[in-house]
PDB file of all heavy atoms in Angstrom:
ATOM      1  N   ILE A   1    -134.992 105.091 -34.109  1.00  0.00           N
ATOM      2  CA  ILE A   1    -135.318 104.183 -35.306  1.00  0.00           C
ATOM      3  C   ILE A   1    -136.234 104.990 -36.310  1.00  0.00           C
ATOM      4  O   ILE A   1    -136.805 106.039 -35.966  1.00  0.00           O
ATOM      5  CB  ILE A   1    -136.069 102.903 -34.868  1.00  0.00           C
ATOM      6  CG1 ILE A   1    -137.379 103.171 -34.188  1.00  0.00           C
ATOM      7  CG2 ILE A   1    -135.087 102.076 -33.952  1.00  0.00           C
ATOM      8  CD1 ILE A   1    -138.110 102.009 -33.705  1.00  0.00           C
ATOM      9  N   PRO A   2    -136.316 104.628 -37.558  1.00  0.00           N
ATOM     10  CA  PRO A   2    -137.190 105.330 -38.512  1.00  0.00           C
ATOM     11  C   PRO A   2    -138.632 105.613 -37.890  1.00  0.00           C
ATOM     12  O   PRO A   2    -139.345 106.616 -38.371  1.00  0.00           O
ATOM     13  CB  PRO A   2    -137.107 104.415 -39.866  1.00  0.00           C
ATOM     14  CG  PRO A   2    -135.855 103.686 -39.677  1.00  0.00           C
ATOM     15  CD  PRO A   2    -135.662 103.352 -38.224  1.00  0.00           C
ATOM     16  N   ALA A   3    -139.212 104.582 -37.262  1.00  0.00           N
ATOM     17  CA  ALA A   3    -140.536 104.850 -36.745  1.00  0.00           C
ATOM     18  C   ALA A   3    -140.608 105.835 -35.699  1.00  0.00           C
ATOM     19  O   ALA A   3    -141.679 106.341 -35.348  1.00  0.00           O
ATOM     20  CB  ALA A   3    -141.078 103.484 -36.263  1.00  0.00           C
ATOM     21  N   ALA A   4    -139.534 106.156 -35.073  1.00  0.00           N
ATOM     22  CA  ALA A   4    -139.524 107.137 -33.873  1.00  0.00           C
ATOM     23  C   ALA A   4    -138.153 107.827 -33.951  1.00  0.00           C
ATOM     24  O   ALA A   4    -137.284 107.708 -33.104  1.00  0.00           O
ATOM     25  CB  ALA A   4    -139.778 106.518 -32.583  1.00  0.00           C
ATOM     26  N   PRO A   5    -137.978 108.671 -34.944  1.00  0.00           N
ATOM     27  CA  PRO A   5    -136.517 109.239 -35.222  1.00  0.00           C
ATOM     28  C   PRO A   5    -136.195 110.347 -34.232  1.00  0.00           C
ATOM     29  O   PRO A   5    -136.954 111.001 -33.634  1.00  0.00           O
ATOM     30  CB  PRO A   5    -136.754 109.782 -36.671  1.00  0.00           C
ATOM     31  CG  PRO A   5    -138.072 110.205 -36.812  1.00  0.00           C
ATOM     32  CD  PRO A   5    -138.857 109.197 -35.982  1.00  0.00           C
ATOM     33  N   THR A   6    -134.879 110.552 -34.158  1.00  0.00           N
ATOM     34  CA  THR A   6    -134.399 111.744 -33.472  1.00  0.00           C
ATOM     35  C   THR A   6    -134.279 112.866 -34.410  1.00  0.00           C
ATOM     36  O   THR A   6    -133.613 112.728 -35.506  1.00  0.00           O
ATOM     37  CB  THR A   6    -133.016 111.383 -32.884  1.00  0.00           C
ATOM     38  OG1 THR A   6    -133.042 110.245 -32.050  1.00  0.00           O
ATOM     39  CG2 THR A   6    -132.541 112.448 -32.033  1.00  0.00           C
ATOM     40  N   TYR A   7    -134.992 113.899 -34.292  1.00  0.00           N
ATOM     41  CA  TYR A   7    -135.134 114.943 -35.365  1.00  0.00           C
ATOM     42  C   TYR A   7    -133.856 115.864 -35.481  1.00  0.00           C
ATOM     43  O   TYR A   7    -133.246 116.153 -34.388  1.00  0.00           O
ATOM     44  CB  TYR A   7    -136.323 115.795 -35.054  1.00  0.00           C
ATOM     45  CG  TYR A   7    -137.619 115.067 -35.283  1.00  0.00           C
ATOM     46  CD1 TYR A   7    -138.285 114.430 -34.216  1.00  0.00           C
ATOM     47  CD2 TYR A   7    -138.171 114.936 -36.462  1.00  0.00           C
ATOM     48  CE1 TYR A   7    -139.479 113.838 -34.265  1.00  0.00           C
ATOM     49  CE2 TYR A   7    -139.369 114.216 -36.736  1.00  0.00           C
ATOM     50  CZ  TYR A   7    -139.909 113.709 -35.601  1.00  0.00           C
ATOM     51  OH  TYR A   7    -141.133 113.080 -35.733  1.00  0.00           O
ATOM     52  N   ASN A   8    -133.431 116.073 -36.696  1.00  0.00           N
ATOM     53  CA  ASN A   8    -132.275 116.927 -36.943  1.00  0.00           C
ATOM     54  C   ASN A   8    -132.566 118.275 -36.460  1.00  0.00           C
ATOM     55  O   ASN A   8    -133.721 118.775 -36.551  1.00  0.00           O
ATOM     56  CB  ASN A   8    -131.920 116.847 -38.420  1.00  0.00           C
ATOM     57  CG  ASN A   8    -131.411 115.551 -38.858  1.00  0.00           C
ATOM     58  OD1 ASN A   8    -131.128 114.698 -38.060  1.00  0.00           O
ATOM     59  ND2 ASN A   8    -131.284 115.342 -40.188  1.00  0.00           N
ATOM     60  N   GLY A   9    -131.501 119.104 -36.044  1.00  0.00           N
ATOM     61  CA  GLY A   9    -131.649 120.383 -35.642  1.00  0.00           C
ATOM     62  C   GLY A   9    -130.784 120.748 -34.448  1.00  0.00           C
ATOM     63  O   GLY A   9    -129.997 119.816 -33.949  1.00  0.00           O
ATOM     64  N   THR A  10    -130.828 122.012 -33.959  1.00  0.00           N
ATOM     65  CA  THR A  10    -129.997 122.252 -32.786  1.00  0.00           C
ATOM     66  C   THR A  10    -130.986 122.810 -31.698  1.00  0.00           C
ATOM     67  O   THR A  10    -131.855 123.636 -32.058  1.00  0.00           O
ATOM     68  CB  THR A  10    -129.096 123.461 -33.134  1.00  0.00           C
ATOM     69  OG1 THR A  10    -128.119 122.935 -34.030  1.00  0.00           O
ATOM     70  CG2 THR A  10    -128.292 123.833 -31.911  1.00  0.00           C
ATOM     71  N   TYR A  11    -130.881 122.326 -30.629  1.00  0.00           N
ATOM     72  CA  TYR A  11    -131.812 122.697 -29.446  1.00  0.00           C
ATOM     73  C   TYR A  11    -131.000 122.892 -28.208  1.00  0.00           C
ATOM     74  O   TYR A  11    -129.927 122.162 -27.920  1.00  0.00           O
ATOM     75  CB  TYR A  11    -132.770 121.481 -29.209  1.00  0.00           C
ATOM     76  CG  TYR A  11    -133.387 120.981 -30.588  1.00  0.00           C
ATOM     77  CD1 TYR A  11    -132.703 119.899 -31.234  1.00  0.00           C
ATOM     78  CD2 TYR A  11    -134.414 121.536 -31.254  1.00  0.00           C
ATOM     79  CE1 TYR A  11    -133.225 119.308 -32.423  1.00  0.00           C
ATOM     80  CE2 TYR A  11    -134.920 120.998 -32.444  1.00  0.00           C
ATOM     81  CZ  TYR A  11    -134.281 119.930 -32.953  1.00  0.00           C
ATOM     82  OH  TYR A  11    -134.742 119.431 -34.180  1.00  0.00           O
ATOM     83  N   PRO A  12    -131.436 123.728 -27.280  1.00  0.00           N
ATOM     84  CA  PRO A  12    -130.922 123.869 -26.019  1.00  0.00           C
ATOM     85  C   PRO A  12    -131.437 122.929 -24.851  1.00  0.00           C
ATOM     86  O   PRO A  12    -132.630 122.595 -24.893  1.00  0.00           O
ATOM     87  CB  PRO A  12    -131.296 125.345 -25.686  1.00  0.00           C
ATOM     88  CG  PRO A  12    -132.537 125.551 -26.173  1.00  0.00           C
ATOM     89  CD  PRO A  12    -132.576 124.636 -27.515  1.00  0.00           C
ATOM     90  N   VAL A  13    -130.589 122.461 -23.984  1.00  0.00           N
ATOM     91  CA  VAL A  13    -131.007 121.617 -22.886  1.00  0.00           C
ATOM     92  C   VAL A  13    -132.061 122.334 -22.130  1.00  0.00           C
ATOM     93  O   VAL A  13    -131.659 123.510 -21.614  1.00  0.00           O
ATOM     94  CB  VAL A  13    -129.764 121.144 -22.089  1.00  0.00           C
ATOM     95  CG1 VAL A  13    -130.238 120.485 -20.841  1.00  0.00           C
ATOM     96  CG2 VAL A  13    -128.957 120.315 -22.958  1.00  0.00           C
ATOM     97  N   TYR A  14    -133.289 121.739 -21.738  1.00  0.00           N
ATOM     98  CA  TYR A  14    -134.275 122.628 -21.041  1.00  0.00           C
ATOM     99  C   TYR A  14    -134.595 121.885 -19.737  1.00  0.00           C
ATOM    100  O   TYR A  14    -135.284 122.467 -18.841  1.00  0.00           O
ATOM    101  CB  TYR A  14    -135.382 122.863 -21.751  1.00  0.00           C
ATOM    102  CG  TYR A  14    -136.209 121.633 -22.131  1.00  0.00           C
ATOM    103  CD1 TYR A  14    -137.260 120.938 -21.265  1.00  0.00           C
ATOM    104  CD2 TYR A  14    -135.895 120.921 -23.318  1.00  0.00           C
ATOM    105  CE1 TYR A  14    -137.985 120.084 -21.562  1.00  0.00           C
ATOM    106  CE2 TYR A  14    -136.732 119.711 -23.621  1.00  0.00           C
ATOM    107  CZ  TYR A  14    -137.747 119.247 -22.701  1.00  0.00           C
ATOM    108  OH  TYR A  14    -138.488 118.175 -22.950  1.00  0.00           O
ATOM    109  N   GLU A  15    -134.146 120.586 -19.525  1.00  0.00           N
ATOM    110  CA  GLU A  15    -134.464 119.782 -18.303  1.00  0.00           C
ATOM    111  C   GLU A  15    -133.337 118.847 -17.921  1.00  0.00           C
ATOM    112  O   GLU A  15    -132.862 118.248 -19.075  1.00  0.00           O
ATOM    113  CB  GLU A  15    -135.732 119.187 -18.406  1.00  0.00           C
ATOM    114  CG  GLU A  15    -136.301 118.393 -17.217  1.00  0.00           C
ATOM    115  CD  GLU A  15    -136.534 119.154 -15.926  1.00  0.00           C
ATOM    116  OE1 GLU A  15    -135.442 119.625 -15.380  1.00  0.00           O
ATOM    117  OE2 GLU A  15    -137.697 119.447 -15.632  1.00  0.00           O
ATOM    118  N   ARG A  16    -133.118 118.577 -16.823  1.00  0.00           N
ATOM    119  CA  ARG A  16    -132.046 117.689 -16.399  1.00  0.00           C
ATOM    120  C   ARG A  16    -132.515 116.850 -15.139  1.00  0.00           C
ATOM    121  O   ARG A  16    -133.002 117.455 -14.209  1.00  0.00           O
ATOM    122  CB  ARG A  16    -130.769 118.337 -15.944  1.00  0.00           C
ATOM    123  CG  ARG A  16    -130.192 119.224 -17.159  1.00  0.00           C
ATOM    124  CD  ARG A  16    -128.965 120.080 -16.711  1.00  0.00           C
ATOM    125  NE  ARG A  16    -127.817 119.197 -16.556  1.00  0.00           N
ATOM    126  CZ  ARG A  16    -127.173 118.856 -15.429  1.00  0.00           C
ATOM    127  NH1 ARG A  16    -127.605 119.420 -14.212  1.00  0.00           N
ATOM    128  NH2 ARG A  16    -126.118 118.126 -15.387  1.00  0.00           N
ATOM    129  N   LEU A  17    -132.380 115.540 -15.205  1.00  0.00           N
ATOM    130  CA  LEU A  17    -132.753 114.694 -14.129  1.00  0.00           C
ATOM    131  C   LEU A  17    -131.773 113.578 -13.968  1.00  0.00           C
ATOM    132  O   LEU A  17    -131.441 112.897 -14.903  1.00  0.00           O
ATOM    133  CB  LEU A  17    -134.139 114.048 -14.560  1.00  0.00           C
ATOM    134  CG  LEU A  17    -135.298 114.901 -14.767  1.00  0.00           C
ATOM    135  CD1 LEU A  17    -136.482 114.208 -15.346  1.00  0.00           C
ATOM    136  CD2 LEU A  17    -135.703 115.583 -13.459  1.00  0.00           C
ATOM    137  N   PRO A  18    -131.222 113.319 -12.728  1.00  0.00           N
ATOM    138  CA  PRO A  18    -130.352 112.238 -12.471  1.00  0.00           C
ATOM    139  C   PRO A  18    -130.858 110.921 -12.738  1.00  0.00           C
ATOM    140  O   PRO A  18    -130.183 110.045 -13.134  1.00  0.00           O
ATOM    141  CB  PRO A  18    -129.832 112.484 -11.023  1.00  0.00           C
ATOM    142  CG  PRO A  18    -130.998 113.307 -10.457  1.00  0.00           C
ATOM    143  CD  PRO A  18    -131.557 114.066 -11.523  1.00  0.00           C
ATOM    144  N   PHE A  19    -132.194 110.771 -12.434  1.00  0.00           N
ATOM    145  CA  PHE A  19    -132.850 109.377 -12.550  1.00  0.00           C
ATOM    146  C   PHE A  19    -134.301 109.645 -12.991  1.00  0.00           C
ATOM    147  O   PHE A  19    -134.907 110.667 -12.532  1.00  0.00           O
ATOM    148  CB  PHE A  19    -132.791 108.591 -11.329  1.00  0.00           C
ATOM    149  CG  PHE A  19    -133.517 107.326 -11.305  1.00  0.00           C
ATOM    150  CD1 PHE A  19    -132.950 106.282 -11.878  1.00  0.00           C
ATOM    151  CD2 PHE A  19    -134.803 107.264 -10.888  1.00  0.00           C
ATOM    152  CE1 PHE A  19    -133.556 104.965 -11.980  1.00  0.00           C
ATOM    153  CE2 PHE A  19    -135.491 106.095 -10.804  1.00  0.00           C
ATOM    154  CZ  PHE A  19    -134.943 104.934 -11.467  1.00  0.00           C
ATOM    155  N   GLN A  20    -134.789 108.747 -13.710  1.00  0.00           N
ATOM    156  CA  GLN A  20    -136.195 108.890 -14.199  1.00  0.00           C
ATOM    157  C   GLN A  20    -136.839 107.558 -14.656  1.00  0.00           C
ATOM    158  O   GLN A  20    -136.013 106.705 -15.181  1.00  0.00           O
ATOM    159  CB  GLN A  20    -136.304 109.949 -15.228  1.00  0.00           C
ATOM    160  CG  GLN A  20    -137.902 110.038 -15.798  1.00  0.00           C
ATOM    161  CD  GLN A  20    -137.780 111.094 -16.995  1.00  0.00           C
ATOM    162  OE1 GLN A  20    -136.826 111.179 -17.874  1.00  0.00           O
ATOM    163  NE2 GLN A  20    -139.006 111.513 -17.294  1.00  0.00           N
ATOM    164  N   ILE A  21    -138.045 107.412 -14.401  1.00  0.00           N
ATOM    165  CA  ILE A  21    -138.697 106.168 -15.064  1.00  0.00           C
ATOM    166  C   ILE A  21    -139.348 106.800 -16.311  1.00  0.00           C
ATOM    167  O   ILE A  21    -140.317 107.645 -16.259  1.00  0.00           O
ATOM    168  CB  ILE A  21    -139.760 105.557 -14.037  1.00  0.00           C
ATOM    169  CG1 ILE A  21    -139.175 105.031 -12.876  1.00  0.00           C
ATOM    170  CG2 ILE A  21    -140.562 104.554 -14.950  1.00  0.00           C
ATOM    171  CD1 ILE A  21    -138.322 103.926 -13.029  1.00  0.00           C
ATOM    172  N   MET A  22    -138.756 106.503 -17.424  1.00  0.00           N
ATOM    173  CA  MET A  22    -139.197 107.137 -18.633  1.00  0.00           C
ATOM    174  C   MET A  22    -140.325 106.141 -19.197  1.00  0.00           C
ATOM    175  O   MET A  22    -140.103 105.068 -19.426  1.00  0.00           O
ATOM    176  CB  MET A  22    -138.024 107.239 -19.662  1.00  0.00           C
ATOM    177  CG  MET A  22    -138.358 107.974 -20.825  1.00  0.00           C
ATOM    178  SD  MET A  22    -136.848 108.311 -22.006  1.00  0.00           S
ATOM    179  CE  MET A  22    -135.956 109.395 -21.041  1.00  0.00           C
ATOM    180  N   LYS A  23    -141.541 106.920 -19.496  1.00  0.00           N
ATOM    181  CA  LYS A  23    -142.639 106.219 -19.997  1.00  0.00           C
ATOM    182  C   LYS A  23    -143.063 106.698 -21.301  1.00  0.00           C
ATOM    183  O   LYS A  23    -142.828 107.759 -21.816  1.00  0.00           O
ATOM    184  CB  LYS A  23    -143.847 106.363 -19.053  1.00  0.00           C
ATOM    185  CG  LYS A  23    -143.552 105.831 -17.559  1.00  0.00           C
ATOM    186  CD  LYS A  23    -144.755 106.188 -16.646  1.00  0.00           C
ATOM    187  CE  LYS A  23    -144.504 105.628 -15.287  1.00  0.00           C
ATOM    188  NZ  LYS A  23    -145.690 105.830 -14.314  1.00  0.00           N
ATOM    189  N   GLY A  24    -143.591 105.685 -22.033  1.00  0.00           N
ATOM    190  CA  GLY A  24    -144.114 106.085 -23.403  1.00  0.00           C
ATOM    191  C   GLY A  24    -144.825 104.895 -24.167  1.00  0.00           C
ATOM    192  O   GLY A  24    -144.959 103.890 -23.502  1.00  0.00           O
ATOM    193  N   THR A  25    -144.909 105.144 -25.456  1.00  0.00           N
ATOM    194  CA  THR A  25    -145.609 104.072 -26.276  1.00  0.00           C
ATOM    195  C   THR A  25    -144.674 103.697 -27.396  1.00  0.00           C
ATOM    196  O   THR A  25    -144.057 104.309 -28.080  1.00  0.00           O
ATOM    197  CB  THR A  25    -146.851 104.704 -26.931  1.00  0.00           C
ATOM    198  OG1 THR A  25    -147.729 105.182 -25.858  1.00  0.00           O
ATOM    199  CG2 THR A  25    -147.597 103.675 -27.713  1.00  0.00           C
ATOM    200  N   ASN A  26    -144.612 102.274 -27.527  1.00  0.00           N
ATOM    201  CA  ASN A  26    -143.790 101.695 -28.627  1.00  0.00           C
ATOM    202  C   ASN A  26    -144.443 101.741 -29.885  1.00  0.00           C
ATOM    203  O   ASN A  26    -145.660 102.050 -30.007  1.00  0.00           O
ATOM    204  CB  ASN A  26    -143.550 100.246 -28.203  1.00  0.00           C
ATOM    205  CG  ASN A  26    -142.612 100.077 -26.970  1.00  0.00           C
ATOM    206  OD1 ASN A  26    -141.465 100.540 -27.070  1.00  0.00           O
ATOM    207  ND2 ASN A  26    -142.952  99.322 -25.909  1.00  0.00           N
ATOM    208  N   PRO A  27    -143.751 101.589 -30.921  1.00  0.00           N
ATOM    209  CA  PRO A  27    -144.304 101.710 -32.245  1.00  0.00           C
ATOM    210  C   PRO A  27    -145.471 100.719 -32.456  1.00  0.00           C
ATOM    211  O   PRO A  27    -146.370 100.893 -33.304  1.00  0.00           O
ATOM    212  CB  PRO A  27    -143.105 101.459 -33.237  1.00  0.00           C
ATOM    213  CG  PRO A  27    -142.070 101.876 -32.600  1.00  0.00           C
ATOM    214  CD  PRO A  27    -142.259 101.598 -31.121  1.00  0.00           C
ATOM    215  N   ASP A  28    -145.517  99.538 -31.818  1.00  0.00           N
ATOM    216  CA  ASP A  28    -146.568  98.515 -31.908  1.00  0.00           C
ATOM    217  C   ASP A  28    -147.643  98.931 -31.098  1.00  0.00           C
ATOM    218  O   ASP A  28    -148.691  98.076 -31.120  1.00  0.00           O
ATOM    219  CB  ASP A  28    -145.835  97.108 -31.637  1.00  0.00           C
ATOM    220  CG  ASP A  28    -145.395  96.999 -30.299  1.00  0.00           C
ATOM    221  OD1 ASP A  28    -145.543  97.920 -29.487  1.00  0.00           O
ATOM    222  OD2 ASP A  28    -144.852  95.969 -29.903  1.00  0.00           O
ATOM    223  N   GLY A  29    -147.640 100.028 -30.364  1.00  0.00           N
ATOM    224  CA  GLY A  29    -148.866 100.271 -29.486  1.00  0.00           C
ATOM    225  C   GLY A  29    -148.649  99.915 -28.022  1.00  0.00           C
ATOM    226  O   GLY A  29    -149.485 100.306 -27.218  1.00  0.00           O
ATOM    227  N   SER A  30    -147.691  99.091 -27.735  1.00  0.00           N
ATOM    228  CA  SER A  30    -147.452  98.722 -26.453  1.00  0.00           C
ATOM    229  C   SER A  30    -146.828  99.887 -25.565  1.00  0.00           C
ATOM    230  O   SER A  30    -146.307 100.770 -26.164  1.00  0.00           O
ATOM    231  CB  SER A  30    -146.606  97.443 -26.188  1.00  0.00           C
ATOM    232  OG  SER A  30    -145.422  97.666 -26.811  1.00  0.00           O
ATOM    233  N   HIS A  31    -146.916  99.814 -24.385  1.00  0.00           N
ATOM    234  CA  HIS A  31    -146.272 100.877 -23.495  1.00  0.00           C
ATOM    235  C   HIS A  31    -145.097 100.407 -22.789  1.00  0.00           C
ATOM    236  O   HIS A  31    -144.939  99.229 -22.556  1.00  0.00           O
ATOM    237  CB  HIS A  31    -147.336 101.244 -22.501  1.00  0.00           C
ATOM    238  CG  HIS A  31    -148.515 101.800 -23.019  1.00  0.00           C
ATOM    239  ND1 HIS A  31    -148.711 103.108 -23.730  1.00  0.00           N
ATOM    240  CD2 HIS A  31    -149.831 101.329 -23.176  1.00  0.00           C
ATOM    241  CE1 HIS A  31    -149.968 103.242 -24.113  1.00  0.00           C
ATOM    242  NE2 HIS A  31    -150.538 102.194 -23.747  1.00  0.00           N
ATOM    243  N   TYR A  32    -144.119 101.452 -22.464  1.00  0.00           N
ATOM    244  CA  TYR A  32    -142.969 101.019 -21.770  1.00  0.00           C
ATOM    245  C   TYR A  32    -142.796 101.903 -20.582  1.00  0.00           C
ATOM    246  O   TYR A  32    -143.336 103.129 -20.511  1.00  0.00           O
ATOM    247  CB  TYR A  32    -141.715 101.060 -22.597  1.00  0.00           C
ATOM    248  CG  TYR A  32    -141.520 102.528 -23.215  1.00  0.00           C
ATOM    249  CD1 TYR A  32    -140.722 103.449 -22.403  1.00  0.00           C
ATOM    250  CD2 TYR A  32    -141.964 102.876 -24.376  1.00  0.00           C
ATOM    251  CE1 TYR A  32    -140.334 104.698 -22.859  1.00  0.00           C
ATOM    252  CE2 TYR A  32    -141.679 104.111 -24.899  1.00  0.00           C
ATOM    253  CZ  TYR A  32    -140.856 105.070 -24.140  1.00  0.00           C
ATOM    254  OH  TYR A  32    -140.554 106.352 -24.636  1.00  0.00           O
ATOM    255  N   ALA A  33    -142.002 101.567 -19.595  1.00  0.00           N
ATOM    256  CA  ALA A  33    -141.673 102.360 -18.283  1.00  0.00           C
ATOM    257  C   ALA A  33    -140.351 101.795 -17.937  1.00  0.00           C
ATOM    258  O   ALA A  33    -140.135 100.875 -17.177  1.00  0.00           O
ATOM    259  CB  ALA A  33    -142.710 102.187 -17.197  1.00  0.00           C
ATOM    260  N   ASP A  34    -139.325 102.514 -18.480  1.00  0.00           N
ATOM    261  CA  ASP A  34    -137.918 102.202 -18.229  1.00  0.00           C
ATOM    262  C   ASP A  34    -137.176 103.045 -17.414  1.00  0.00           C
ATOM    263  O   ASP A  34    -137.268 104.389 -17.373  1.00  0.00           O
ATOM    264  CB  ASP A  34    -137.244 102.138 -19.676  1.00  0.00           C
ATOM    265  CG  ASP A  34    -137.801 101.185 -20.715  1.00  0.00           C
ATOM    266  OD1 ASP A  34    -138.266 100.119 -20.192  1.00  0.00           O
ATOM    267  OD2 ASP A  34    -137.744 101.508 -21.834  1.00  0.00           O
ATOM    268  N   PRO A  35    -136.378 102.457 -16.437  1.00  0.00           N
ATOM    269  CA  PRO A  35    -135.538 103.404 -15.550  1.00  0.00           C
ATOM    270  C   PRO A  35    -134.271 103.894 -16.401  1.00  0.00           C
ATOM    271  O   PRO A  35    -133.591 103.104 -17.028  1.00  0.00           O
ATOM    272  CB  PRO A  35    -135.069 102.434 -14.375  1.00  0.00           C
ATOM    273  CG  PRO A  35    -135.260 101.000 -15.015  1.00  0.00           C
ATOM    274  CD  PRO A  35    -136.296 101.134 -16.133  1.00  0.00           C
ATOM    275  N   VAL A  36    -134.061 105.119 -16.256  1.00  0.00           N
ATOM    276  CA  VAL A  36    -132.918 105.641 -17.052  1.00  0.00           C
ATOM    277  C   VAL A  36    -132.140 106.617 -16.059  1.00  0.00           C
ATOM    278  O   VAL A  36    -132.827 107.168 -15.018  1.00  0.00           O
ATOM    279  CB  VAL A  36    -133.318 106.412 -18.380  1.00  0.00           C
ATOM    280  CG1 VAL A  36    -133.995 105.486 -19.369  1.00  0.00           C
ATOM    281  CG2 VAL A  36    -134.349 107.500 -18.061  1.00  0.00           C
ATOM    282  N   GLN A  37    -130.888 106.864 -16.364  1.00  0.00           N
ATOM    283  CA  GLN A  37    -130.127 107.784 -15.616  1.00  0.00           C
ATOM    284  C   GLN A  37    -129.420 108.863 -16.482  1.00  0.00           C
ATOM    285  O   GLN A  37    -129.303 108.676 -17.742  1.00  0.00           O
ATOM    286  CB  GLN A  37    -128.958 106.953 -14.997  1.00  0.00           C
ATOM    287  CG  GLN A  37    -129.430 105.938 -14.046  1.00  0.00           C
ATOM    288  CD  GLN A  37    -128.417 105.143 -13.433  1.00  0.00           C
ATOM    289  OE1 GLN A  37    -127.351 105.697 -12.918  1.00  0.00           O
ATOM    290  NE2 GLN A  37    -128.370 103.825 -13.535  1.00  0.00           N
ATOM    291  N   ASN A  38    -128.959 109.968 -15.756  1.00  0.00           N
ATOM    292  CA  ASN A  38    -128.210 111.065 -16.367  1.00  0.00           C
ATOM    293  C   ASN A  38    -128.900 111.632 -17.677  1.00  0.00           C
ATOM    294  O   ASN A  38    -128.467 111.663 -18.688  1.00  0.00           O
ATOM    295  CB  ASN A  38    -126.799 110.523 -16.742  1.00  0.00           C
ATOM    296  CG  ASN A  38    -126.124 109.936 -15.600  1.00  0.00           C
ATOM    297  OD1 ASN A  38    -126.135 110.343 -14.459  1.00  0.00           O
ATOM    298  ND2 ASN A  38    -125.387 108.866 -15.901  1.00  0.00           N
ATOM    299  N   VAL A  39    -130.103 112.150 -17.330  1.00  0.00           N
ATOM    300  CA  VAL A  39    -131.026 112.550 -18.396  1.00  0.00           C
ATOM    301  C   VAL A  39    -130.942 114.125 -18.675  1.00  0.00           C
ATOM    302  O   VAL A  39    -131.197 114.889 -17.710  1.00  0.00           O
ATOM    303  CB  VAL A  39    -132.492 112.235 -18.048  1.00  0.00           C
ATOM    304  CG1 VAL A  39    -133.516 112.531 -19.238  1.00  0.00           C
ATOM    305  CG2 VAL A  39    -132.700 110.723 -17.636  1.00  0.00           C
ATOM    306  N   SER A  40    -130.771 114.396 -19.804  1.00  0.00           N
ATOM    307  CA  SER A  40    -130.717 115.890 -20.187  1.00  0.00           C
ATOM    308  C   SER A  40    -131.614 116.060 -21.523  1.00  0.00           C
ATOM    309  O   SER A  40    -131.280 115.662 -22.684  1.00  0.00           O
ATOM    310  CB  SER A  40    -129.218 116.251 -20.771  1.00  0.00           C
ATOM    311  OG  SER A  40    -128.321 116.073 -19.619  1.00  0.00           O
ATOM    312  N   TYR A  41    -132.815 116.566 -21.364  1.00  0.00           N
ATOM    313  CA  TYR A  41    -133.780 116.771 -22.283  1.00  0.00           C
ATOM    314  C   TYR A  41    -133.405 117.959 -23.054  1.00  0.00           C
ATOM    315  O   TYR A  41    -132.927 119.158 -22.519  1.00  0.00           O
ATOM    316  CB  TYR A  41    -135.142 117.002 -21.773  1.00  0.00           C
ATOM    317  CG  TYR A  41    -135.853 115.737 -21.322  1.00  0.00           C
ATOM    318  CD1 TYR A  41    -135.816 115.345 -19.978  1.00  0.00           C
ATOM    319  CD2 TYR A  41    -136.559 114.898 -22.195  1.00  0.00           C
ATOM    320  CE1 TYR A  41    -136.428 114.185 -19.606  1.00  0.00           C
ATOM    321  CE2 TYR A  41    -137.227 113.802 -21.878  1.00  0.00           C
ATOM    322  CZ  TYR A  41    -137.139 113.406 -20.439  1.00  0.00           C
ATOM    323  OH  TYR A  41    -137.751 112.257 -20.024  1.00  0.00           O
ATOM    324  N   PHE A  42    -133.564 117.898 -24.406  1.00  0.00           N
ATOM    325  CA  PHE A  42    -133.143 118.972 -25.302  1.00  0.00           C
ATOM    326  C   PHE A  42    -134.261 119.384 -26.377  1.00  0.00           C
ATOM    327  O   PHE A  42    -134.254 120.442 -26.914  1.00  0.00           O
ATOM    328  CB  PHE A  42    -131.861 118.762 -26.047  1.00  0.00           C
ATOM    329  CG  PHE A  42    -131.749 117.572 -26.866  1.00  0.00           C
ATOM    330  CD1 PHE A  42    -132.137 117.538 -28.184  1.00  0.00           C
ATOM    331  CD2 PHE A  42    -131.264 116.303 -26.353  1.00  0.00           C
ATOM    332  CE1 PHE A  42    -132.128 116.414 -29.097  1.00  0.00           C
ATOM    333  CE2 PHE A  42    -131.254 115.242 -27.129  1.00  0.00           C
ATOM    334  CZ  PHE A  42    -131.679 115.174 -28.527  1.00  0.00           C
ATOM    335  N   HIS A  43    -135.144 118.485 -26.684  1.00  0.00           N
ATOM    336  CA  HIS A  43    -136.111 118.589 -27.700  1.00  0.00           C
ATOM    337  C   HIS A  43    -137.332 117.836 -27.519  1.00  0.00           C
ATOM    338  O   HIS A  43    -137.369 116.557 -27.779  1.00  0.00           O
ATOM    339  CB  HIS A  43    -135.667 118.463 -29.105  1.00  0.00           C
ATOM    340  CG  HIS A  43    -136.621 118.646 -30.165  1.00  0.00           C
ATOM    341  ND1 HIS A  43    -136.797 117.824 -31.290  1.00  0.00           N
ATOM    342  CD2 HIS A  43    -137.499 119.663 -30.315  1.00  0.00           C
ATOM    343  CE1 HIS A  43    -137.664 118.250 -32.013  1.00  0.00           C
ATOM    344  NE2 HIS A  43    -138.167 119.420 -31.583  1.00  0.00           N
TER     345      HIS A  43
END
């Protein structure tokens, strides 16, 4: 979303996880901890 955009550019995959609890902060300041699968980090 505009408040947390995916940045344009080209990047190489540097980390791979089949499963993860992804944690972070929402734009309103609240926190999240979401289970996700098939994760390939690139930037």
